[in-house]
Amino acid sequence: MAPLADFLLQHIHFQLPFHLTHYVQGVSPLSTQPVVVGALITYLVTIFGVREIMKNREPLKLTFLFQVHNVYLSSGSLLLLALMLEEILPIMWKHGPFYAICATGAWTERMEFYYMINYYIKYVELLDTVFLAFKKKPLAFLHVFHHSATAFLCFTQLNGKTSVSWVVITLNLTVHVIMYYYYYATAGGAKIWWKKYLTGLQITQFILDLFIVYFGTYSYFAATYWPKMPVMGSCAGTESAALFGCGLLSSYLLLFIKFYFETYKKPRGKKPVTNGNGIANGNGYKKD
């Protein structure tokens, strides 16, 4: 039973083609490496190009558009989170956590569709940086790297069919519901006191991510190559996707911890440059 998904399907009066509801490599949008790399290069050229164009111009406020963008991402993240949980929780209840994390049966048609939606939303999130460029805010390495690398990460996990994906994505969606609300509110002038704790939540997210993905990766390699090692069973997904996910998420954790200490454990007399996008998107300082 999936009441929310069934309700939405009842009120959708058109049918999407197969390749838009199922991931078909080479047919679904943004499903080949040259296209994905080209899209991300276009993103980088765009943001740094806008920065150059704006160098001798007054920054644009774009408050209304920025707030609309963040309302869309916060509410969209909440809806997608609810859909994914109502699909995966019954599977976990029926078969147990290990099955839900590692079995091929946890990669259902609906979960694959939700993974695709999450993947395409990552390209919408790239607009975050475009807003920063027009507002003449610093384009910090953490922000640019995290946005572009996450889109590529989602691409690799769709290709690799890593059944553990839903854990990482649902944690990320939970953070994004709160984070994009924060951006919306502060863009309108609200004073939010819990920014530090939101960064802490982001770090906690990556710690949980790594615990699960390293467990899944160990399960696969132990079951496949090290039969004498203690293991509950194998974990679905390709080796390359698993290793890439472990490596990238590890780098995220280190970068976000670095950002946290530079921002909230700063020397006296200095304050962080948050580049106008609130949380872990800036890592420089400026003197008062």
Protein backbone atom coordinates (compact mmCIF):
# COMPACT_ATOMS: atom_id res chain seq x y z
CA MET A 1 0.00 0.00 0.00
CA ALA A 2 1.29 3.44 -0.96
CA PRO A 3 -1.54 5.92 -0.29
CA LEU A 4 0.37 9.06 -1.29
CA ALA A 5 1.77 7.60 -4.52
CA ASP A 6 -1.61 6.07 -5.43
CA PHE A 7 -3.35 9.39 -4.76
CA LEU A 8 -0.94 11.26 -7.02
CA LEU A 9 -1.31 8.67 -9.78
CA GLN A 10 -5.10 9.00 -9.66
CA HIS A 11 -4.81 12.74 -10.29
CA ILE A 12 -2.23 12.60 -13.07
CA HIS A 13 -4.07 12.59 -16.39
CA PHE A 14 -1.16 11.83 -18.68
CA GLN A 15 1.24 8.95 -19.04
CA LEU A 16 4.98 9.41 -19.24
CA PRO A 17 6.99 7.30 -21.69
CA PHE A 18 8.81 4.31 -20.26
CA HIS A 19 12.28 5.92 -20.33
CA LEU A 20 11.06 8.76 -18.09
CA THR A 21 9.72 6.45 -15.38
CA HIS A 22 12.41 3.76 -15.68
CA TYR A 23 16.12 4.40 -15.93
CA VAL A 24 17.27 3.30 -19.38
CA GLN A 25 20.94 4.08 -19.84
CA GLY A 26 21.50 5.95 -23.07
CA VAL A 27 17.80 6.70 -23.51
CA SER A 28 16.64 8.42 -20.32
CA PRO A 29 17.73 12.09 -20.05
CA LEU A 30 21.24 12.63 -18.69
CA SER A 31 22.00 8.93 -18.69
CA THR A 32 25.37 8.79 -20.46
CA GLN A 33 28.71 9.97 -19.14
CA PRO A 34 29.53 12.38 -22.01
CA VAL A 35 26.17 14.13 -21.59
CA VAL A 36 26.51 14.35 -17.82
CA VAL A 37 30.08 15.63 -17.99
CA GLY A 38 29.00 18.13 -20.65
CA ALA A 39 26.15 19.37 -18.45
CA LEU A 40 28.46 19.83 -15.47
CA ILE A 41 31.07 21.64 -17.57
CA THR A 42 28.28 23.91 -18.81
CA TYR A 43 27.37 24.57 -15.16
CA LEU A 44 30.96 25.56 -14.32
CA VAL A 45 31.32 27.74 -17.43
CA THR A 46 28.00 29.43 -16.63
CA ILE A 47 28.70 30.30 -13.00
CA PHE A 48 32.23 31.57 -13.61
CA GLY A 49 31.07 33.36 -16.74
CA VAL A 50 28.33 35.13 -14.79
CA ARG A 51 30.86 36.03 -12.12
CA GLU A 52 33.04 37.71 -14.75
CA ILE A 53 30.05 39.52 -16.28
CA MET A 54 29.04 40.81 -12.85
CA LYS A 55 32.55 41.89 -11.85
CA ASN A 56 31.95 45.58 -12.62
CA ARG A 57 28.21 45.60 -12.03
CA GLU A 58 26.04 46.04 -8.97
CA PRO A 59 24.90 42.75 -7.40
CA LEU A 60 21.35 41.66 -8.16
CA LYS A 61 19.05 40.89 -5.24
CA LEU A 62 16.68 38.44 -6.98
CA THR A 63 14.94 37.90 -3.65
CA PHE A 64 11.59 36.73 -4.98
CA LEU A 65 13.08 34.31 -7.53
CA PHE A 66 15.49 32.96 -4.94
CA GLN A 67 12.67 32.38 -2.47
CA VAL A 68 10.52 30.63 -5.09
CA HIS A 69 13.49 28.42 -5.94
CA ASN A 70 13.96 27.45 -2.30
CA VAL A 71 10.26 26.85 -1.62
CA TYR A 72 10.19 24.52 -4.62
CA LEU A 73 13.24 22.59 -3.41
CA SER A 74 12.12 22.39 0.22
CA SER A 75 8.57 21.27 -0.56
CA GLY A 76 9.73 19.00 -3.38
CA SER A 77 12.24 17.34 -1.06
CA LEU A 78 9.50 16.77 1.52
CA LEU A 79 7.17 15.18 -1.02
CA LEU A 80 9.87 12.94 -2.46
CA LEU A 81 10.97 11.94 1.05
CA ALA A 82 7.42 10.90 1.94
CA LEU A 83 7.06 8.89 -1.29
CA MET A 84 10.34 7.07 -0.79
CA LEU A 85 9.62 6.22 2.85
CA GLU A 86 6.17 4.84 2.10
CA GLU A 87 7.75 2.57 -0.51
CA ILE A 88 10.78 1.34 1.44
CA LEU A 89 9.45 1.11 5.01
CA PRO A 90 6.97 -1.70 4.24
CA ILE A 91 9.81 -3.60 2.55
CA MET A 92 11.93 -3.15 5.66
CA TRP A 93 9.05 -4.18 7.92
CA LYS A 94 8.39 -7.33 5.91
CA HIS A 95 11.95 -8.45 5.14
CA GLY A 96 14.18 -6.65 7.66
CA PRO A 97 16.79 -3.86 7.47
CA PHE A 98 19.50 -5.89 5.70
CA TYR A 99 17.13 -6.86 2.89
CA ALA A 100 15.95 -3.25 2.52
CA ILE A 101 19.53 -2.01 2.32
CA CYS A 102 21.18 -4.73 0.26
CA ALA A 103 18.70 -6.89 -1.66
CA THR A 104 17.92 -6.42 -5.34
CA GLY A 105 14.24 -6.70 -4.36
CA ALA A 106 14.52 -3.33 -2.64
CA TRP A 107 15.20 -1.71 -6.01
CA THR A 108 11.54 -1.55 -7.02
CA GLU A 109 10.15 0.20 -10.10
CA ARG A 110 8.79 3.02 -7.97
CA MET A 111 12.07 3.43 -6.08
CA GLU A 112 13.91 3.63 -9.38
CA PHE A 113 11.52 6.37 -10.53
CA TYR A 114 12.08 8.25 -7.26
CA TYR A 115 15.83 7.90 -7.69
CA MET A 116 15.47 9.45 -11.14
CA ILE A 117 13.46 12.37 -9.78
CA ASN A 118 16.06 12.95 -7.08
CA TYR A 119 18.79 12.83 -9.73
CA TYR A 120 17.10 15.42 -11.94
CA ILE A 121 16.46 17.68 -8.96
CA LYS A 122 20.23 17.85 -8.51
CA TYR A 123 20.42 19.80 -11.75
CA VAL A 124 17.76 22.23 -10.48
CA GLU A 125 19.89 22.69 -7.35
CA LEU A 126 22.73 23.92 -9.56
CA LEU A 127 20.75 27.15 -9.85
CA ASP A 128 21.84 27.84 -6.24
CA THR A 129 25.25 28.77 -7.59
CA VAL A 130 23.84 30.84 -10.44
CA PHE A 131 22.00 32.96 -7.87
CA LEU A 132 25.24 33.38 -5.90
CA ALA A 133 27.06 34.54 -9.03
CA PHE A 134 24.42 37.15 -9.87
CA LYS A 135 24.40 38.30 -6.24
CA LYS A 136 28.22 38.57 -6.35
CA LYS A 137 28.75 36.16 -3.48
CA PRO A 138 31.95 34.08 -3.25
CA LEU A 139 31.84 30.80 -5.16
CA ALA A 140 33.45 28.64 -2.47
CA PHE A 141 35.09 25.37 -3.46
CA LEU A 142 32.89 23.34 -1.09
CA HIS A 143 29.71 24.69 -2.62
CA VAL A 144 30.71 24.24 -6.26
CA PHE A 145 32.33 20.85 -5.73
CA HIS A 146 29.46 19.49 -3.63
CA HIS A 147 26.76 20.53 -6.10
CA SER A 148 28.48 19.23 -9.23
CA ALA A 149 29.86 16.04 -7.64
CA THR A 150 26.49 15.10 -6.12
CA ALA A 151 24.81 15.18 -9.52
CA PHE A 152 27.53 12.86 -10.83
CA LEU A 153 27.18 10.64 -7.74
CA CYS A 154 23.46 10.15 -8.39
CA PHE A 155 24.26 9.28 -12.02
CA THR A 156 26.76 6.60 -10.97
CA GLN A 157 24.38 5.04 -8.45
CA LEU A 158 21.57 4.80 -11.00
CA ASN A 159 23.94 3.05 -13.39
CA GLY A 160 25.26 0.80 -10.64
CA LYS A 161 21.82 0.04 -9.14
CA THR A 162 23.14 0.29 -5.60
CA SER A 163 20.24 -0.76 -3.41
CA VAL A 164 21.68 1.19 -0.47
CA SER A 165 20.96 4.45 -2.35
CA TRP A 166 17.68 5.15 -0.57
CA VAL A 167 19.42 5.52 2.80
CA VAL A 168 21.74 8.25 1.53
CA ILE A 169 18.97 9.97 -0.42
CA THR A 170 16.36 10.01 2.36
CA LEU A 171 18.89 11.44 4.81
CA ASN A 172 19.84 14.06 2.23
CA LEU A 173 16.20 14.93 1.53
CA THR A 174 15.55 15.36 5.26
CA VAL A 175 18.40 17.85 5.50
CA HIS A 176 17.26 19.63 2.34
CA VAL A 177 13.72 20.16 3.62
CA ILE A 178 15.20 22.14 6.52
CA MET A 179 18.10 23.70 4.63
CA TYR A 180 16.10 25.14 1.76
CA TYR A 181 13.54 26.48 4.21
CA TYR A 182 16.45 28.21 5.94
CA TYR A 183 17.55 29.78 2.66
CA TYR A 184 13.99 30.90 1.93
CA ALA A 185 13.54 32.45 5.36
CA THR A 186 16.89 34.24 5.53
CA ALA A 187 16.46 35.59 2.00
CA GLY A 188 13.33 37.32 3.29
CA GLY A 189 15.23 38.86 6.20
CA ALA A 190 14.48 36.34 8.96
CA LYS A 191 17.12 35.92 11.65
CA ILE A 192 17.68 32.19 12.19
CA TRP A 193 19.59 31.18 15.31
CA TRP A 194 20.10 27.52 14.47
CA LYS A 195 22.41 27.80 11.44
CA LYS A 196 25.27 26.18 13.38
CA TYR A 197 23.07 23.20 14.24
CA LEU A 198 22.03 22.79 10.63
CA THR A 199 25.68 22.46 9.65
CA GLY A 200 26.01 19.90 12.45
CA LEU A 201 23.05 18.04 10.98
CA GLN A 202 24.78 17.97 7.61
CA ILE A 203 27.87 16.43 9.20
CA THR A 204 25.75 13.88 11.08
CA GLN A 205 24.10 12.98 7.76
CA PHE A 206 27.47 12.11 6.21
CA ILE A 207 28.55 10.07 9.23
CA LEU A 208 25.38 7.98 8.95
CA ASP A 209 25.81 7.76 5.18
CA LEU A 210 29.32 6.42 5.55
CA PHE A 211 28.36 3.86 8.17
CA ILE A 212 25.72 2.40 5.86
CA VAL A 213 27.60 2.60 2.54
CA TYR A 214 30.78 1.15 4.04
CA PHE A 215 28.70 -1.64 5.56
CA GLY A 216 27.07 -2.33 2.18
CA THR A 217 30.40 -2.18 0.36
CA TYR A 218 32.04 -4.51 2.88
CA SER A 219 29.11 -6.90 2.56
CA TYR A 220 29.54 -7.05 -1.20
CA PHE A 221 33.30 -7.55 -1.19
CA ALA A 222 33.26 -10.02 1.70
CA ALA A 223 30.55 -12.14 0.09
CA THR A 224 32.24 -11.96 -3.32
CA TYR A 225 35.96 -12.23 -2.56
CA TRP A 226 36.47 -13.02 1.14
CA PRO A 227 34.11 -15.92 1.98
CA LYS A 228 35.85 -16.57 5.31
CA MET A 229 35.02 -13.10 6.59
CA PRO A 230 31.87 -12.65 8.73
CA VAL A 231 29.08 -11.36 6.50
CA MET A 232 25.29 -11.32 6.44
CA GLY A 233 25.15 -11.61 2.66
CA SER A 234 26.06 -9.66 -0.45
CA CYS A 235 24.83 -6.16 -1.27
CA ALA A 236 23.41 -5.22 -4.66
CA GLY A 237 25.26 -2.80 -6.90
CA THR A 238 28.37 -2.59 -9.03
CA GLU A 239 31.83 -2.38 -7.51
CA SER A 240 32.70 0.90 -9.23
CA ALA A 241 29.53 2.62 -8.02
CA ALA A 242 30.09 1.42 -4.45
CA LEU A 243 33.73 2.53 -4.32
CA PHE A 244 33.00 5.88 -5.92
CA GLY A 245 30.17 6.50 -3.43
CA CYS A 246 32.40 5.63 -0.46
CA GLY A 247 35.19 7.89 -1.69
CA LEU A 248 33.02 10.88 -2.51
CA LEU A 249 30.96 10.75 0.69
CA SER A 250 34.19 10.48 2.69
CA SER A 251 35.46 13.65 1.03
CA TYR A 252 32.18 15.41 1.84
CA LEU A 253 32.52 14.57 5.51
CA LEU A 254 36.06 15.94 5.67
CA LEU A 255 35.15 19.11 3.77
CA PHE A 256 32.08 19.81 5.91
CA ILE A 257 34.02 19.26 9.14
CA LYS A 258 36.68 21.67 7.84
CA PHE A 259 33.96 24.19 7.03
CA TYR A 260 32.42 23.79 10.49
CA PHE A 261 35.66 24.53 12.31
CA GLU A 262 36.57 27.43 10.02
CA THR A 263 33.12 28.95 10.43
CA TYR A 264 32.11 28.32 14.03
CA LYS A 265 35.51 27.89 15.71
CA LYS A 266 36.96 30.98 14.06
CA PRO A 267 39.58 33.25 15.66
CA ARG A 268 38.32 36.31 17.47
CA GLY A 269 37.89 39.42 15.40
CA LYS A 270 36.92 37.55 12.27
CA LYS A 271 33.63 36.37 10.87
CA PRO A 272 32.88 33.78 8.21
CA VAL A 273 31.97 34.62 4.67
CA THR A 274 28.89 32.45 4.14
CA ASN A 275 28.56 33.55 0.49
CA GLY A 276 24.87 34.32 0.94
CA ASN A 277 23.69 30.76 0.74
CA GLY A 278 23.57 30.12 4.41
CA ILE A 279 25.15 26.90 5.53
CA ALA A 280 28.15 24.99 4.25
CA ASN A 281 28.77 27.02 1.11
CA GLY A 282 31.56 29.33 2.17
CA ASN A 283 34.86 28.84 3.87
CA GLY A 284 36.68 32.15 3.80
CA TYR A 285 36.99 34.88 6.38
CA LYS A 286 36.93 38.60 6.34
CA LYS A 287 38.09 40.97 9.03
CA ASP A 288 35.49 43.05 10.84
